[in-house]
Amino acid sequence: MREGAKTKLARAMRKAPTSAEAKLWARLRRRQVVNCRFRRQHPVGPFVADFACVERKVIVEVDGATHSTEAEWAHDLKRTEFLEAEGWKVVRASNAEVYENLEGVLEGIRLALVER
C-alpha cells in the first residue's frame, strides 16, 4: 500500500474505532499509562497499528472477531514477526479481554512499557 493511501486509511480508522478500541483509548490517551504517549491507528511499515507508543516502540493490537480463523491468525503472526523485526514490542488483547479485564490489559501494557 502506498504511503499516502495508508495515511488516509489510518485517518479513516481513527474516526470509526471499534467499541473495544474506544474503551482502551480512553485509558491510553493523555499519558495515563507510565506517562507514555500513544498514537491511534499509527502506520508502521506496511501495517497500521491500533495503538503505538513511538518513544518506547510498543504497539497494542486489539483483536476482534475478524481475528478468529486460521488464515487470520497466520496473518497476525506475520504482522507481529515483521513489527518485532523492526524493533517493536507487540502486545495483543482480544475485545473480550478489553471488556472483561481492562485492568489486566493495562497491566500487560504497563509491563511492556517499563521493560523498554
PDB file of N, CA and C in Angstrom:
ATOM      1  N   MET A   1       0.840  -1.180   0.000  1.00  0.00           N
ATOM      2  CA  MET A   1       0.000   0.000   0.000  1.00  0.00           C
ATOM      3  C   MET A   1       0.885   1.242   0.000  1.00  0.00           C
ATOM      4  N   ARG A   2       0.543   2.179  -0.848  1.00  0.00           N
ATOM      5  CA  ARG A   2       1.305   3.433  -0.902  1.00  0.00           C
ATOM      6  C   ARG A   2       1.194   4.195   0.402  1.00  0.00           C
ATOM      7  N   GLU A   3       2.217   4.995   0.704  1.00  0.00           N
ATOM      8  CA  GLU A   3       2.257   5.751   1.965  1.00  0.00           C
ATOM      9  C   GLU A   3       1.050   6.669   2.114  1.00  0.00           C
ATOM     10  N   GLY A   4       0.683   7.393   1.072  1.00  0.00           N
ATOM     11  CA  GLY A   4      -0.463   8.299   1.145  1.00  0.00           C
ATOM     12  C   GLY A   4      -1.766   7.557   1.385  1.00  0.00           C
ATOM     13  N   ALA A   5      -1.921   6.425   0.745  1.00  0.00           N
ATOM     14  CA  ALA A   5      -3.136   5.621   0.927  1.00  0.00           C
ATOM     15  C   ALA A   5      -3.200   5.057   2.341  1.00  0.00           C
ATOM     16  N   LYS A   6      -2.051   4.665   2.881  1.00  0.00           N
ATOM     17  CA  LYS A   6      -2.005   4.123   4.238  1.00  0.00           C
ATOM     18  C   LYS A   6      -2.370   5.202   5.262  1.00  0.00           C
ATOM     19  N   THR A   7      -1.868   6.414   5.059  1.00  0.00           N
ATOM     20  CA  THR A   7      -2.188   7.526   5.953  1.00  0.00           C
ATOM     21  C   THR A   7      -3.675   7.850   5.894  1.00  0.00           C
ATOM     22  N   LYS A   8      -4.227   7.827   4.701  1.00  0.00           N
ATOM     23  CA  LYS A   8      -5.656   8.091   4.527  1.00  0.00           C
ATOM     24  C   LYS A   8      -6.487   7.023   5.245  1.00  0.00           C
ATOM     25  N   LEU A   9      -6.076   5.758   5.107  1.00  0.00           N
ATOM     26  CA  LEU A   9      -6.757   4.663   5.784  1.00  0.00           C
ATOM     27  C   LEU A   9      -6.685   4.845   7.296  1.00  0.00           C
ATOM     28  N   ALA A  10      -5.506   5.187   7.816  1.00  0.00           N
ATOM     29  CA  ALA A  10      -5.323   5.377   9.259  1.00  0.00           C
ATOM     30  C   ALA A  10      -6.238   6.486   9.767  1.00  0.00           C
ATOM     31  N   ARG A  11      -6.337   7.571   9.034  1.00  0.00           N
ATOM     32  CA  ARG A  11      -7.228   8.677   9.437  1.00  0.00           C
ATOM     33  C   ARG A  11      -8.677   8.232   9.480  1.00  0.00           C
ATOM     34  N   ALA A  12      -9.096   7.473   8.489  1.00  0.00           N
ATOM     35  CA  ALA A  12     -10.478   6.972   8.454  1.00  0.00           C
ATOM     36  C   ALA A  12     -10.725   6.032   9.629  1.00  0.00           C
ATOM     37  N   MET A  13      -9.752   5.195   9.946  1.00  0.00           N
ATOM     38  CA  MET A  13      -9.906   4.244  11.051  1.00  0.00           C
ATOM     39  C   MET A  13      -9.982   4.967  12.397  1.00  0.00           C
ATOM     40  N   ARG A  14      -9.294   6.096  12.535  1.00  0.00           N
ATOM     41  CA  ARG A  14      -9.357   6.871  13.776  1.00  0.00           C
ATOM     42  C   ARG A  14     -10.758   7.421  14.013  1.00  0.00           C
ATOM     43  N   LYS A  15     -11.454   7.711  12.927  1.00  0.00           N
ATOM     44  CA  LYS A  15     -12.800   8.290  13.029  1.00  0.00           C
ATOM     45  C   LYS A  15     -13.863   7.240  13.349  1.00  0.00           C
ATOM     46  N   ALA A  16     -13.540   5.971  13.169  1.00  0.00           N
ATOM     47  CA  ALA A  16     -14.524   4.906  13.383  1.00  0.00           C
ATOM     48  C   ALA A  16     -13.929   3.752  14.188  1.00  0.00           C
ATOM     49  N   PRO A  17     -13.518   4.013  15.441  1.00  0.00           N
ATOM     50  CA  PRO A  17     -12.921   2.923  16.225  1.00  0.00           C
ATOM     51  C   PRO A  17     -13.989   1.903  16.626  1.00  0.00           C
ATOM     52  N   THR A  18     -13.542   0.678  16.881  1.00  0.00           N
ATOM     53  CA  THR A  18     -14.452  -0.308  17.444  1.00  0.00           C
ATOM     54  C   THR A  18     -14.742   0.116  18.884  1.00  0.00           C
ATOM     55  N   SER A  19     -15.764  -0.449  19.489  1.00  0.00           N
ATOM     56  CA  SER A  19     -16.080  -0.074  20.870  1.00  0.00           C
ATOM     57  C   SER A  19     -14.952  -0.490  21.822  1.00  0.00           C
ATOM     58  N   ALA A  20     -14.310  -1.616  21.556  1.00  0.00           N
ATOM     59  CA  ALA A  20     -13.184  -2.046  22.395  1.00  0.00           C
ATOM     60  C   ALA A  20     -12.005  -1.074  22.250  1.00  0.00           C
ATOM     61  N   GLU A  21     -11.726  -0.637  21.021  1.00  0.00           N
ATOM     62  CA  GLU A  21     -10.650   0.339  20.811  1.00  0.00           C
ATOM     63  C   GLU A  21     -10.960   1.646  21.527  1.00  0.00           C
ATOM     64  N   ALA A  22     -12.201   2.097  21.455  1.00  0.00           N
ATOM     65  CA  ALA A  22     -12.594   3.344  22.118  1.00  0.00           C
ATOM     66  C   ALA A  22     -12.426   3.224  23.630  1.00  0.00           C
ATOM     67  N   LYS A  23     -12.822   2.089  24.175  1.00  0.00           N
ATOM     68  CA  LYS A  23     -12.700   1.858  25.625  1.00  0.00           C
ATOM     69  C   LYS A  23     -11.230   1.876  26.054  1.00  0.00           C
ATOM     70  N   LEU A  24     -10.376   1.204  25.297  1.00  0.00           N
ATOM     71  CA  LEU A  24      -8.953   1.179  25.628  1.00  0.00           C
ATOM     72  C   LEU A  24      -8.314   2.544  25.411  1.00  0.00           C
ATOM     73  N   TRP A  25      -8.680   3.225  24.346  1.00  0.00           N
ATOM     74  CA  TRP A  25      -8.114   4.544  24.056  1.00  0.00           C
ATOM     75  C   TRP A  25      -8.403   5.527  25.187  1.00  0.00           C
ATOM     76  N   ALA A  26      -9.578   5.427  25.803  1.00  0.00           N
ATOM     77  CA  ALA A  26      -9.919   6.322  26.916  1.00  0.00           C
ATOM     78  C   ALA A  26      -8.924   6.180  28.069  1.00  0.00           C
ATOM     79  N   ARG A  27      -8.282   5.014  28.182  1.00  0.00           N
ATOM     80  CA  ARG A  27      -7.309   4.773  29.249  1.00  0.00           C
ATOM     81  C   ARG A  27      -5.857   4.948  28.814  1.00  0.00           C
ATOM     82  N   LEU A  28      -5.605   4.954  27.494  1.00  0.00           N
ATOM     83  CA  LEU A  28      -4.234   5.128  26.996  1.00  0.00           C
ATOM     84  C   LEU A  28      -3.906   6.591  26.703  1.00  0.00           C
ATOM     85  N   ARG A  29      -4.904   7.355  26.333  1.00  0.00           N
ATOM     86  CA  ARG A  29      -4.650   8.729  25.896  1.00  0.00           C
ATOM     87  C   ARG A  29      -4.183   9.609  27.047  1.00  0.00           C
ATOM     88  N   ARG A  30      -3.594  10.715  26.673  1.00  0.00           N
ATOM     89  CA  ARG A  30      -3.127  11.728  27.629  1.00  0.00           C
ATOM     90  C   ARG A  30      -2.134  11.193  28.653  1.00  0.00           C
ATOM     91  N   ARG A  31      -1.265  10.292  28.199  1.00  0.00           N
ATOM     92  CA  ARG A  31      -0.149   9.802  29.024  1.00  0.00           C
ATOM     93  C   ARG A  31      -0.592   9.199  30.356  1.00  0.00           C
ATOM     94  N   GLN A  32      -1.701   8.466  30.338  1.00  0.00           N
ATOM     95  CA  GLN A  32      -2.221   7.876  31.571  1.00  0.00           C
ATOM     96  C   GLN A  32      -1.472   6.611  31.996  1.00  0.00           C
ATOM     97  N   VAL A  33      -0.735   6.004  31.091  1.00  0.00           N
ATOM     98  CA  VAL A  33      -0.018   4.765  31.407  1.00  0.00           C
ATOM     99  C   VAL A  33       1.480   5.038  31.351  1.00  0.00           C
ATOM    100  N   VAL A  34       2.124   4.985  32.504  1.00  0.00           N
ATOM    101  CA  VAL A  34       3.575   5.185  32.646  1.00  0.00           C
ATOM    102  C   VAL A  34       4.022   6.490  31.976  1.00  0.00           C
ATOM    103  N   ASN A  35       3.134   7.468  31.928  1.00  0.00           N
ATOM    104  CA  ASN A  35       3.425   8.779  31.326  1.00  0.00           C
ATOM    105  C   ASN A  35       3.912   8.668  29.879  1.00  0.00           C
ATOM    106  N   CYS A  36       3.422   7.663  29.163  1.00  0.00           N
ATOM    107  CA  CYS A  36       3.813   7.458  27.771  1.00  0.00           C
ATOM    108  C   CYS A  36       2.700   7.899  26.828  1.00  0.00           C
ATOM    109  N   ARG A  37       3.097   8.502  25.735  1.00  0.00           N
ATOM    110  CA  ARG A  37       2.144   8.981  24.736  1.00  0.00           C
ATOM    111  C   ARG A  37       1.872   7.885  23.711  1.00  0.00           C
ATOM    112  N   PHE A  38       0.602   7.639  23.467  1.00  0.00           N
ATOM    113  CA  PHE A  38       0.182   6.688  22.443  1.00  0.00           C
ATOM    114  C   PHE A  38      -0.455   7.419  21.283  1.00  0.00           C
ATOM    115  N   ARG A  39      -0.314   6.838  20.106  1.00  0.00           N
ATOM    116  CA  ARG A  39      -0.996   7.312  18.897  1.00  0.00           C
ATOM    117  C   ARG A  39      -1.986   6.231  18.484  1.00  0.00           C
ATOM    118  N   ARG A  40      -3.129   6.654  17.961  1.00  0.00           N
ATOM    119  CA  ARG A  40      -4.121   5.704  17.453  1.00  0.00           C
ATOM    120  C   ARG A  40      -3.896   5.485  15.976  1.00  0.00           C
ATOM    121  N   GLN A  41      -4.137   4.250  15.528  1.00  0.00           N
ATOM    122  CA  GLN A  41      -4.071   3.901  14.110  1.00  0.00           C
ATOM    123  C   GLN A  41      -2.816   4.503  13.475  1.00  0.00           C
ATOM    124  N   HIS A  42      -1.689   4.072  13.982  1.00  0.00           N
ATOM    125  CA  HIS A  42      -0.387   4.606  13.569  1.00  0.00           C
ATOM    126  C   HIS A  42       0.243   3.720  12.487  1.00  0.00           C
ATOM    127  N   PRO A  43       0.540   4.275  11.310  1.00  0.00           N
ATOM    128  CA  PRO A  43       1.189   3.489  10.251  1.00  0.00           C
ATOM    129  C   PRO A  43       2.613   3.062  10.652  1.00  0.00           C
ATOM    130  N   VAL A  44       2.893   1.779  10.479  1.00  0.00           N
ATOM    131  CA  VAL A  44       4.232   1.226  10.735  1.00  0.00           C
ATOM    132  C   VAL A  44       4.521   0.258   9.603  1.00  0.00           C
ATOM    133  N   GLY A  45       5.485   0.600   8.754  1.00  0.00           N
ATOM    134  CA  GLY A  45       5.784  -0.249   7.602  1.00  0.00           C
ATOM    135  C   GLY A  45       4.520  -0.406   6.766  1.00  0.00           C
ATOM    136  N   PRO A  46       4.216  -1.635   6.347  1.00  0.00           N
ATOM    137  CA  PRO A  46       3.028  -1.848   5.513  1.00  0.00           C
ATOM    138  C   PRO A  46       1.731  -1.962   6.324  1.00  0.00           C
ATOM    139  N   PHE A  47       1.806  -1.790   7.654  1.00  0.00           N
ATOM    140  CA  PHE A  47       0.653  -2.000   8.524  1.00  0.00           C
ATOM    141  C   PHE A  47       0.206  -0.719   9.208  1.00  0.00           C
ATOM    142  N   VAL A  48      -0.986  -0.776   9.792  1.00  0.00           N
ATOM    143  CA  VAL A  48      -1.489   0.303  10.637  1.00  0.00           C
ATOM    144  C   VAL A  48      -1.763  -0.316  12.001  1.00  0.00           C
ATOM    145  N   ALA A  49      -1.006   0.118  13.004  1.00  0.00           N
ATOM    146  CA  ALA A  49      -1.149  -0.409  14.361  1.00  0.00           C
ATOM    147  C   ALA A  49      -2.329   0.259  15.050  1.00  0.00           C
ATOM    148  N   ASP A  50      -3.067  -0.505  15.854  1.00  0.00           N
ATOM    149  CA  ASP A  50      -4.190   0.081  16.587  1.00  0.00           C
ATOM    150  C   ASP A  50      -3.703   1.214  17.482  1.00  0.00           C
ATOM    151  N   PHE A  51      -2.683   0.937  18.289  1.00  0.00           N
ATOM    152  CA  PHE A  51      -2.097   1.948  19.177  1.00  0.00           C
ATOM    153  C   PHE A  51      -0.584   1.766  19.175  1.00  0.00           C
ATOM    154  N   ALA A  52       0.144   2.880  19.197  1.00  0.00           N
ATOM    155  CA  ALA A  52       1.608   2.795  19.203  1.00  0.00           C
ATOM    156  C   ALA A  52       2.192   3.858  20.116  1.00  0.00           C
ATOM    157  N   CYS A  53       3.122   3.433  20.954  1.00  0.00           N
ATOM    158  CA  CYS A  53       3.938   4.349  21.737  1.00  0.00           C
ATOM    159  C   CYS A  53       5.283   4.388  21.020  1.00  0.00           C
ATOM    160  N   VAL A  54       5.497   5.447  20.268  1.00  0.00           N
ATOM    161  CA  VAL A  54       6.685   5.546  19.423  1.00  0.00           C
ATOM    162  C   VAL A  54       7.953   5.646  20.265  1.00  0.00           C
ATOM    163  N   GLU A  55       7.907   6.396  21.360  1.00  0.00           N
ATOM    164  CA  GLU A  55       9.113   6.598  22.169  1.00  0.00           C
ATOM    165  C   GLU A  55       9.637   5.297  22.776  1.00  0.00           C
ATOM    166  N   ARG A  56       8.752   4.342  23.100  1.00  0.00           N
ATOM    167  CA  ARG A  56       9.177   3.066  23.679  1.00  0.00           C
ATOM    168  C   ARG A  56       9.072   1.907  22.687  1.00  0.00           C
ATOM    169  N   LYS A  57       8.563   2.208  21.487  1.00  0.00           N
ATOM    170  CA  LYS A  57       8.380   1.198  20.434  1.00  0.00           C
ATOM    171  C   LYS A  57       7.526   0.022  20.919  1.00  0.00           C
ATOM    172  N   VAL A  58       6.361   0.376  21.462  1.00  0.00           N
ATOM    173  CA  VAL A  58       5.383  -0.615  21.911  1.00  0.00           C
ATOM    174  C   VAL A  58       4.106  -0.419  21.109  1.00  0.00           C
ATOM    175  N   ILE A  59       3.606  -1.496  20.541  1.00  0.00           N
ATOM    176  CA  ILE A  59       2.358  -1.490  19.784  1.00  0.00           C
ATOM    177  C   ILE A  59       1.336  -2.321  20.543  1.00  0.00           C
ATOM    178  N   VAL A  60       0.105  -1.820  20.594  1.00  0.00           N
ATOM    179  CA  VAL A  60      -1.000  -2.554  21.198  1.00  0.00           C
ATOM    180  C   VAL A  60      -2.014  -2.847  20.100  1.00  0.00           C
ATOM    181  N   GLU A  61      -2.326  -4.121  19.939  1.00  0.00           N
ATOM    182  CA  GLU A  61      -3.307  -4.563  18.951  1.00  0.00           C
ATOM    183  C   GLU A  61      -4.516  -5.122  19.675  1.00  0.00           C
ATOM    184  N   VAL A  62      -5.708  -4.667  19.284  1.00  0.00           N
ATOM    185  CA  VAL A  62      -6.951  -5.177  19.838  1.00  0.00           C
ATOM    186  C   VAL A  62      -7.571  -6.090  18.788  1.00  0.00           C
ATOM    187  N   ASP A  63      -7.686  -7.364  19.118  1.00  0.00           N
ATOM    188  CA  ASP A  63      -8.163  -8.365  18.169  1.00  0.00           C
ATOM    189  C   ASP A  63      -9.644  -8.645  18.384  1.00  0.00           C
ATOM    190  N   GLY A  64     -10.425  -8.356  17.360  1.00  0.00           N
ATOM    191  CA  GLY A  64     -11.863  -8.606  17.410  1.00  0.00           C
ATOM    192  C   GLY A  64     -12.223  -9.893  16.703  1.00  0.00           C
ATOM    193  N   ALA A  65     -13.473  -9.984  16.300  1.00  0.00           N
ATOM    194  CA  ALA A  65     -13.992 -11.191  15.655  1.00  0.00           C
ATOM    195  C   ALA A  65     -13.292 -11.497  14.335  1.00  0.00           C
ATOM    196  N   THR A  66     -12.683 -10.496  13.716  1.00  0.00           N
ATOM    197  CA  THR A  66     -12.005 -10.722  12.437  1.00  0.00           C
ATOM    198  C   THR A  66     -10.646 -11.389  12.615  1.00  0.00           C
ATOM    199  N   HIS A  67     -10.348 -11.822  13.822  1.00  0.00           N
ATOM    200  CA  HIS A  67      -9.059 -12.476  14.096  1.00  0.00           C
ATOM    201  C   HIS A  67      -9.295 -13.898  14.599  1.00  0.00           C
ATOM    202  N   SER A  68     -10.281 -14.587  14.031  1.00  0.00           N
ATOM    203  CA  SER A  68     -10.673 -15.877  14.597  1.00  0.00           C
ATOM    204  C   SER A  68     -10.397 -17.101  13.721  1.00  0.00           C
ATOM    205  N   THR A  69     -10.033 -16.900  12.476  1.00  0.00           N
ATOM    206  CA  THR A  69      -9.763 -18.061  11.631  1.00  0.00           C
ATOM    207  C   THR A  69      -8.266 -18.348  11.576  1.00  0.00           C
ATOM    208  N   GLU A  70      -7.931 -19.542  11.099  1.00  0.00           N
ATOM    209  CA  GLU A  70      -6.514 -19.905  10.970  1.00  0.00           C
ATOM    210  C   GLU A  70      -5.772 -18.957  10.035  1.00  0.00           C
ATOM    211  N   ALA A  71      -6.409 -18.572   8.941  1.00  0.00           N
ATOM    212  CA  ALA A  71      -5.778 -17.650   7.984  1.00  0.00           C
ATOM    213  C   ALA A  71      -5.526 -16.288   8.631  1.00  0.00           C
ATOM    214  N   GLU A  72      -6.472 -15.830   9.430  1.00  0.00           N
ATOM    215  CA  GLU A  72      -6.299 -14.539  10.106  1.00  0.00           C
ATOM    216  C   GLU A  72      -5.210 -14.627  11.165  1.00  0.00           C
ATOM    217  N   TRP A  73      -5.144 -15.768  11.887  1.00  0.00           N
ATOM    218  CA  TRP A  73      -4.069 -15.948  12.865  1.00  0.00           C
ATOM    219  C   TRP A  73      -2.712 -15.947  12.180  1.00  0.00           C
ATOM    220  N   ALA A  74      -2.628 -16.589  11.027  1.00  0.00           N
ATOM    221  CA  ALA A  74      -1.371 -16.618  10.275  1.00  0.00           C
ATOM    222  C   ALA A  74      -0.975 -15.213   9.840  1.00  0.00           C
ATOM    223  N   HIS A  75      -1.954 -14.435   9.398  1.00  0.00           N
ATOM    224  CA  HIS A  75      -1.684 -13.045   9.003  1.00  0.00           C
ATOM    225  C   HIS A  75      -1.198 -12.244  10.211  1.00  0.00           C
ATOM    226  N   ASP A  76      -1.864 -12.406  11.362  1.00  0.00           N
ATOM    227  CA  ASP A  76      -1.449 -11.699  12.581  1.00  0.00           C
ATOM    228  C   ASP A  76      -0.038 -12.093  12.995  1.00  0.00           C
ATOM    229  N   LEU A  77       0.298 -13.373  12.839  1.00  0.00           N
ATOM    230  CA  LEU A  77       1.637 -13.842  13.194  1.00  0.00           C
ATOM    231  C   LEU A  77       2.688 -13.189  12.294  1.00  0.00           C
ATOM    232  N   LYS A  78       2.428 -13.143  10.980  1.00  0.00           N
ATOM    233  CA  LYS A  78       3.363 -12.493  10.052  1.00  0.00           C
ATOM    234  C   LYS A  78       3.507 -11.011  10.393  1.00  0.00           C
ATOM    235  N   ARG A  79       2.408 -10.390  10.715  1.00  0.00           N
ATOM    236  CA  ARG A  79       2.400  -8.966  11.085  1.00  0.00           C
ATOM    237  C   ARG A  79       3.254  -8.748  12.338  1.00  0.00           C
ATOM    238  N   THR A  80       3.029  -9.575  13.356  1.00  0.00           N
ATOM    239  CA  THR A  80       3.792  -9.459  14.603  1.00  0.00           C
ATOM    240  C   THR A  80       5.280  -9.710  14.350  1.00  0.00           C
ATOM    241  N   GLU A  81       5.604 -10.713  13.559  1.00  0.00           N
ATOM    242  CA  GLU A  81       7.010 -11.008  13.249  1.00  0.00           C
ATOM    243  C   GLU A  81       7.674  -9.832  12.548  1.00  0.00           C
ATOM    244  N   PHE A  82       6.967  -9.208  11.596  1.00  0.00           N
ATOM    245  CA  PHE A  82       7.513  -8.044  10.903  1.00  0.00           C
ATOM    246  C   PHE A  82       7.772  -6.916  11.898  1.00  0.00           C
ATOM    247  N   LEU A  83       6.779  -6.606  12.721  1.00  0.00           N
ATOM    248  CA  LEU A  83       6.906  -5.489  13.667  1.00  0.00           C
ATOM    249  C   LEU A  83       8.027  -5.736  14.667  1.00  0.00           C
ATOM    250  N   GLU A  84       8.137  -6.955  15.169  1.00  0.00           N
ATOM    251  CA  GLU A  84       9.213  -7.273  16.111  1.00  0.00           C
ATOM    252  C   GLU A  84      10.582  -7.201  15.445  1.00  0.00           C
ATOM    253  N   ALA A  85      10.669  -7.596  14.184  1.00  0.00           N
ATOM    254  CA  ALA A  85      11.935  -7.487  13.448  1.00  0.00           C
ATOM    255  C   ALA A  85      12.328  -6.016  13.268  1.00  0.00           C
ATOM    256  N   GLU A  86      11.335  -5.135  13.282  1.00  0.00           N
ATOM    257  CA  GLU A  86      11.594  -3.691  13.170  1.00  0.00           C
ATOM    258  C   GLU A  86      11.877  -3.059  14.537  1.00  0.00           C
ATOM    259  N   GLY A  87      11.907  -3.890  15.598  1.00  0.00           N
ATOM    260  CA  GLY A  87      12.253  -3.390  16.926  1.00  0.00           C
ATOM    261  C   GLY A  87      11.075  -3.042  17.816  1.00  0.00           C
ATOM    262  N   TRP A  88       9.866  -3.369  17.405  1.00  0.00           N
ATOM    263  CA  TRP A  88       8.671  -3.073  18.194  1.00  0.00           C
ATOM    264  C   TRP A  88       8.336  -4.239  19.105  1.00  0.00           C
ATOM    265  N   LYS A  89       7.794  -3.949  20.268  1.00  0.00           N
ATOM    266  CA  LYS A  89       7.197  -4.951  21.161  1.00  0.00           C
ATOM    267  C   LYS A  89       5.696  -4.902  20.885  1.00  0.00           C
ATOM    268  N   VAL A  90       5.080  -6.045  20.604  1.00  0.00           N
ATOM    269  CA  VAL A  90       3.661  -6.097  20.277  1.00  0.00           C
ATOM    270  C   VAL A  90       2.898  -6.734  21.435  1.00  0.00           C
ATOM    271  N   VAL A  91       1.903  -6.013  21.926  1.00  0.00           N
ATOM    272  CA  VAL A  91       1.012  -6.507  22.978  1.00  0.00           C
ATOM    273  C   VAL A  91      -0.348  -6.715  22.324  1.00  0.00           C
ATOM    274  N   ARG A  92      -0.883  -7.916  22.455  1.00  0.00           N
ATOM    275  CA  ARG A  92      -2.198  -8.224  21.858  1.00  0.00           C
ATOM    276  C   ARG A  92      -3.220  -8.459  22.957  1.00  0.00           C
ATOM    277  N   ALA A  93      -4.425  -7.952  22.713  1.00  0.00           N
ATOM    278  CA  ALA A  93      -5.554  -8.186  23.619  1.00  0.00           C
ATOM    279  C   ALA A  93      -6.785  -8.404  22.766  1.00  0.00           C
ATOM    280  N   SER A  94      -7.641  -9.301  23.208  1.00  0.00           N
ATOM    281  CA  SER A  94      -8.892  -9.524  22.479  1.00  0.00           C
ATOM    282  C   SER A  94      -9.929  -8.497  22.930  1.00  0.00           C
ATOM    283  N   ASN A  95     -10.958  -8.327  22.113  1.00  0.00           N
ATOM    284  CA  ASN A  95     -12.066  -7.462  22.516  1.00  0.00           C
ATOM    285  C   ASN A  95     -12.596  -7.910  23.873  1.00  0.00           C
ATOM    286  N   ALA A  96     -12.765  -9.222  24.044  1.00  0.00           N
ATOM    287  CA  ALA A  96     -13.303  -9.753  25.306  1.00  0.00           C
ATOM    288  C   ALA A  96     -12.425  -9.353  26.489  1.00  0.00           C
ATOM    289  N   GLU A  97     -11.112  -9.405  26.323  1.00  0.00           N
ATOM    290  CA  GLU A  97     -10.214  -9.007  27.410  1.00  0.00           C
ATOM    291  C   GLU A  97     -10.386  -7.529  27.752  1.00  0.00           C
ATOM    292  N   VAL A  98     -10.541  -6.696  26.729  1.00  0.00           N
ATOM    293  CA  VAL A  98     -10.727  -5.263  26.972  1.00  0.00           C
ATOM    294  C   VAL A  98     -12.030  -5.035  27.744  1.00  0.00           C
ATOM    295  N   TYR A  99     -13.105  -5.724  27.354  1.00  0.00           N
ATOM    296  CA  TYR A  99     -14.395  -5.560  28.022  1.00  0.00           C
ATOM    297  C   TYR A  99     -14.421  -6.149  29.431  1.00  0.00           C
ATOM    298  N   GLU A 100     -13.808  -7.315  29.603  1.00  0.00           N
ATOM    299  CA  GLU A 100     -13.950  -8.057  30.847  1.00  0.00           C
ATOM    300  C   GLU A 100     -12.793  -7.887  31.826  1.00  0.00           C
ATOM    301  N   ASN A 101     -11.622  -7.474  31.332  1.00  0.00           N
ATOM    302  CA  ASN A 101     -10.441  -7.376  32.198  1.00  0.00           C
ATOM    303  C   ASN A 101      -9.553  -6.215  31.748  1.00  0.00           C
ATOM    304  N   LEU A 102     -10.115  -5.032  31.683  1.00  0.00           N
ATOM    305  CA  LEU A 102      -9.370  -3.868  31.203  1.00  0.00           C
ATOM    306  C   LEU A 102      -8.136  -3.609  32.061  1.00  0.00           C
ATOM    307  N   GLU A 103      -8.256  -3.756  33.368  1.00  0.00           N
ATOM    308  CA  GLU A 103      -7.093  -3.512  34.235  1.00  0.00           C
ATOM    309  C   GLU A 103      -5.966  -4.499  33.949  1.00  0.00           C
ATOM    310  N   GLY A 104      -6.303  -5.738  33.653  1.00  0.00           N
ATOM    311  CA  GLY A 104      -5.295  -6.733  33.292  1.00  0.00           C
ATOM    312  C   GLY A 104      -4.609  -6.383  31.976  1.00  0.00           C
ATOM    313  N   VAL A 105      -5.383  -5.916  31.002  1.00  0.00           N
ATOM    314  CA  VAL A 105      -4.815  -5.483  29.716  1.00  0.00           C
ATOM    315  C   VAL A 105      -3.869  -4.316  29.944  1.00  0.00           C
ATOM    316  N   LEU A 106      -4.303  -3.348  30.749  1.00  0.00           N
ATOM    317  CA  LEU A 106      -3.459  -2.181  31.030  1.00  0.00           C
ATOM    318  C   LEU A 106      -2.184  -2.585  31.763  1.00  0.00           C
ATOM    319  N   GLU A 107      -2.281  -3.573  32.649  1.00  0.00           N
ATOM    320  CA  GLU A 107      -1.089  -4.042  33.354  1.00  0.00           C
ATOM    321  C   GLU A 107      -0.091  -4.672  32.376  1.00  0.00           C
ATOM    322  N   GLY A 108      -0.578  -5.441  31.408  1.00  0.00           N
ATOM    323  CA  GLY A 108       0.301  -6.003  30.388  1.00  0.00           C
ATOM    324  C   GLY A 108       0.992  -4.912  29.573  1.00  0.00           C
ATOM    325  N   ILE A 109       0.255  -3.856  29.273  1.00  0.00           N
ATOM    326  CA  ILE A 109       0.821  -2.725  28.533  1.00  0.00           C
ATOM    327  C   ILE A 109       1.862  -2.018  29.393  1.00  0.00           C
ATOM    328  N   ARG A 110       1.535  -1.800  30.669  1.00  0.00           N
ATOM    329  CA  ARG A 110       2.496  -1.149  31.595  1.00  0.00           C
ATOM    330  C   ARG A 110       3.806  -1.936  31.643  1.00  0.00           C
ATOM    331  N   LEU A 111       3.686  -3.255  31.782  1.00  0.00           N
ATOM    332  CA  LEU A 111       4.902  -4.093  31.854  1.00  0.00           C
ATOM    333  C   LEU A 111       5.737  -3.970  30.591  1.00  0.00           C
ATOM    334  N   ALA A 112       5.080  -3.976  29.439  1.00  0.00           N
ATOM    335  CA  ALA A 112       5.815  -3.834  28.168  1.00  0.00           C
ATOM    336  C   ALA A 112       6.515  -2.484  28.091  1.00  0.00           C
ATOM    337  N   LEU A 113       5.849  -1.442  28.537  1.00  0.00           N
ATOM    338  CA  LEU A 113       6.442  -0.097  28.502  1.00  0.00           C
ATOM    339  C   LEU A 113       7.626   0.011  29.454  1.00  0.00           C
ATOM    340  N   VAL A 114       7.474  -0.538  30.645  1.00  0.00           N
ATOM    341  CA  VAL A 114       8.541  -0.437  31.658  1.00  0.00           C
ATOM    342  C   VAL A 114       9.777  -1.212  31.224  1.00  0.00           C
ATOM    343  N   GLU A 115       9.592  -2.385  30.601  1.00  0.00           N
ATOM    344  CA  GLU A 115      10.759  -3.174  30.183  1.00  0.00           C
ATOM    345  C   GLU A 115      11.506  -2.544  29.018  1.00  0.00           C
ATOM    346  N   ARG A 116      10.884  -1.594  28.330  1.00  0.00           N
ATOM    347  CA  ARG A 116      11.536  -0.928  27.198  1.00  0.00           C
ATOM    348  C   ARG A 116      12.223   0.315  27.690  1.00  0.00           C
TER     349      ARG A 116
END
